[in-house]
Amino acid sequence: MEEIYLTPLTGSILVVLAVGSGHLFRDNWKKQEDGWQRRAWLYGVLAGGSLLTLAFVPLKF
């Protein structure tokens, strides 16, 4: 499992993805337009997956 790691670029991309998805999730939740639950799940899973990856996969410089 030592061969699995994140580069600084990959980590940065995941941070941007998590922040962007979290923001879109919040906007969807507030507006609650047609089909909002499906989009909220999509954005929530993307944000959660990004944050979990950042938390448990080591960063290698």
C-alpha atoms as a PDB file:
ATOM      1  CA  MET A   1       0.000   0.000   0.000  1.00  0.00           C
ATOM      2  CA  GLU A   2       3.056   2.239   0.084  1.00  0.00           C
ATOM      3  CA  GLU A   3       2.749   2.873  -3.652  1.00  0.00           C
ATOM      4  CA  ILE A   4      -0.559   4.744  -3.234  1.00  0.00           C
ATOM      5  CA  TYR A   5      -0.042   8.439  -2.555  1.00  0.00           C
ATOM      6  CA  LEU A   6      -1.180  11.877  -3.702  1.00  0.00           C
ATOM      7  CA  THR A   7       1.041  14.386  -5.433  1.00  0.00           C
ATOM      8  CA  PRO A   8       0.709  18.051  -4.468  1.00  0.00           C
ATOM      9  CA  LEU A   9      -1.121  18.750  -7.747  1.00  0.00           C
ATOM     10  CA  THR A  10      -3.603  15.926  -7.149  1.00  0.00           C
ATOM     11  CA  GLY A  11      -4.156  17.086  -3.583  1.00  0.00           C
ATOM     12  CA  SER A  12      -4.800  20.627  -4.761  1.00  0.00           C
ATOM     13  CA  ILE A  13      -7.279  19.426  -7.363  1.00  0.00           C
ATOM     14  CA  LEU A  14      -9.112  17.406  -4.709  1.00  0.00           C
ATOM     15  CA  VAL A  15      -9.331  20.432  -2.413  1.00  0.00           C
ATOM     16  CA  VAL A  16     -10.822  22.542  -5.213  1.00  0.00           C
ATOM     17  CA  LEU A  17     -13.234  19.713  -6.104  1.00  0.00           C
ATOM     18  CA  ALA A  18     -14.335  19.327  -2.473  1.00  0.00           C
ATOM     19  CA  VAL A  19     -14.897  23.066  -1.980  1.00  0.00           C
ATOM     20  CA  GLY A  20     -16.710  23.484  -5.303  1.00  0.00           C
ATOM     21  CA  SER A  21     -18.915  20.438  -4.759  1.00  0.00           C
ATOM     22  CA  GLY A  22     -19.731  21.522  -1.219  1.00  0.00           C
ATOM     23  CA  HIS A  23     -20.757  24.952  -2.448  1.00  0.00           C
ATOM     24  CA  LEU A  24     -22.960  23.466  -5.185  1.00  0.00           C
ATOM     25  CA  PHE A  25     -24.494  21.082  -2.631  1.00  0.00           C
ATOM     26  CA  ARG A  26     -25.397  23.979  -0.361  1.00  0.00           C
ATOM     27  CA  ASP A  27     -26.881  26.030  -3.223  1.00  0.00           C
ATOM     28  CA  ASN A  28     -28.982  23.056  -4.334  1.00  0.00           C
ATOM     29  CA  TRP A  29     -30.235  22.485  -0.817  1.00  0.00           C
ATOM     30  CA  LYS A  30     -31.225  26.130  -0.383  1.00  0.00           C
ATOM     31  CA  LYS A  31     -33.046  26.494  -3.742  1.00  0.00           C
ATOM     32  CA  GLN A  32     -34.721  23.049  -3.834  1.00  0.00           C
ATOM     33  CA  GLU A  33     -35.708  23.223  -7.493  1.00  0.00           C
ATOM     34  CA  ASP A  34     -36.946  20.178  -9.435  1.00  0.00           C
ATOM     35  CA  GLY A  35     -34.520  17.258  -9.156  1.00  0.00           C
ATOM     36  CA  TRP A  36     -32.533  18.920  -6.381  1.00  0.00           C
ATOM     37  CA  GLN A  37     -32.161  15.745  -4.308  1.00  0.00           C
ATOM     38  CA  ARG A  38     -30.356  13.845  -7.055  1.00  0.00           C
ATOM     39  CA  ARG A  39     -27.972  16.744  -7.665  1.00  0.00           C
ATOM     40  CA  ALA A  40     -27.441  17.185  -3.921  1.00  0.00           C
ATOM     41  CA  TRP A  41     -26.481  13.513  -3.605  1.00  0.00           C
ATOM     42  CA  LEU A  42     -24.070  13.807  -6.517  1.00  0.00           C
ATOM     43  CA  TYR A  43     -22.361  16.895  -5.112  1.00  0.00           C
ATOM     44  CA  GLY A  44     -22.362  15.489  -1.582  1.00  0.00           C
ATOM     45  CA  VAL A  45     -20.738  12.236  -2.655  1.00  0.00           C
ATOM     46  CA  LEU A  46     -18.103  14.133  -4.659  1.00  0.00           C
ATOM     47  CA  ALA A  47     -17.305  16.413  -1.725  1.00  0.00           C
ATOM     48  CA  GLY A  48     -17.261  13.568   0.787  1.00  0.00           C
ATOM     49  CA  GLY A  49     -15.145  11.322  -1.406  1.00  0.00           C
ATOM     50  CA  SER A  50     -12.650  14.099  -2.006  1.00  0.00           C
ATOM     51  CA  LEU A  51     -12.355  14.865   1.692  1.00  0.00           C
ATOM     52  CA  LEU A  52     -12.027  11.198   2.636  1.00  0.00           C
ATOM     53  CA  THR A  53      -9.313  10.730   0.020  1.00  0.00           C
ATOM     54  CA  LEU A  54      -7.438  13.754   1.359  1.00  0.00           C
ATOM     55  CA  ALA A  55      -7.780  12.427   4.905  1.00  0.00           C
ATOM     56  CA  PHE A  56      -6.604   8.853   4.359  1.00  0.00           C
ATOM     57  CA  VAL A  57      -4.214   8.867   1.379  1.00  0.00           C
ATOM     58  CA  PRO A  58      -0.768  10.234   2.183  1.00  0.00           C
ATOM     59  CA  LEU A  59       0.715  13.168   0.327  1.00  0.00           C
ATOM     60  CA  LYS A  60       4.164  12.652  -1.189  1.00  0.00           C
ATOM     61  CA  PHE A  61       6.406  15.590  -2.085  1.00  0.00           C
END
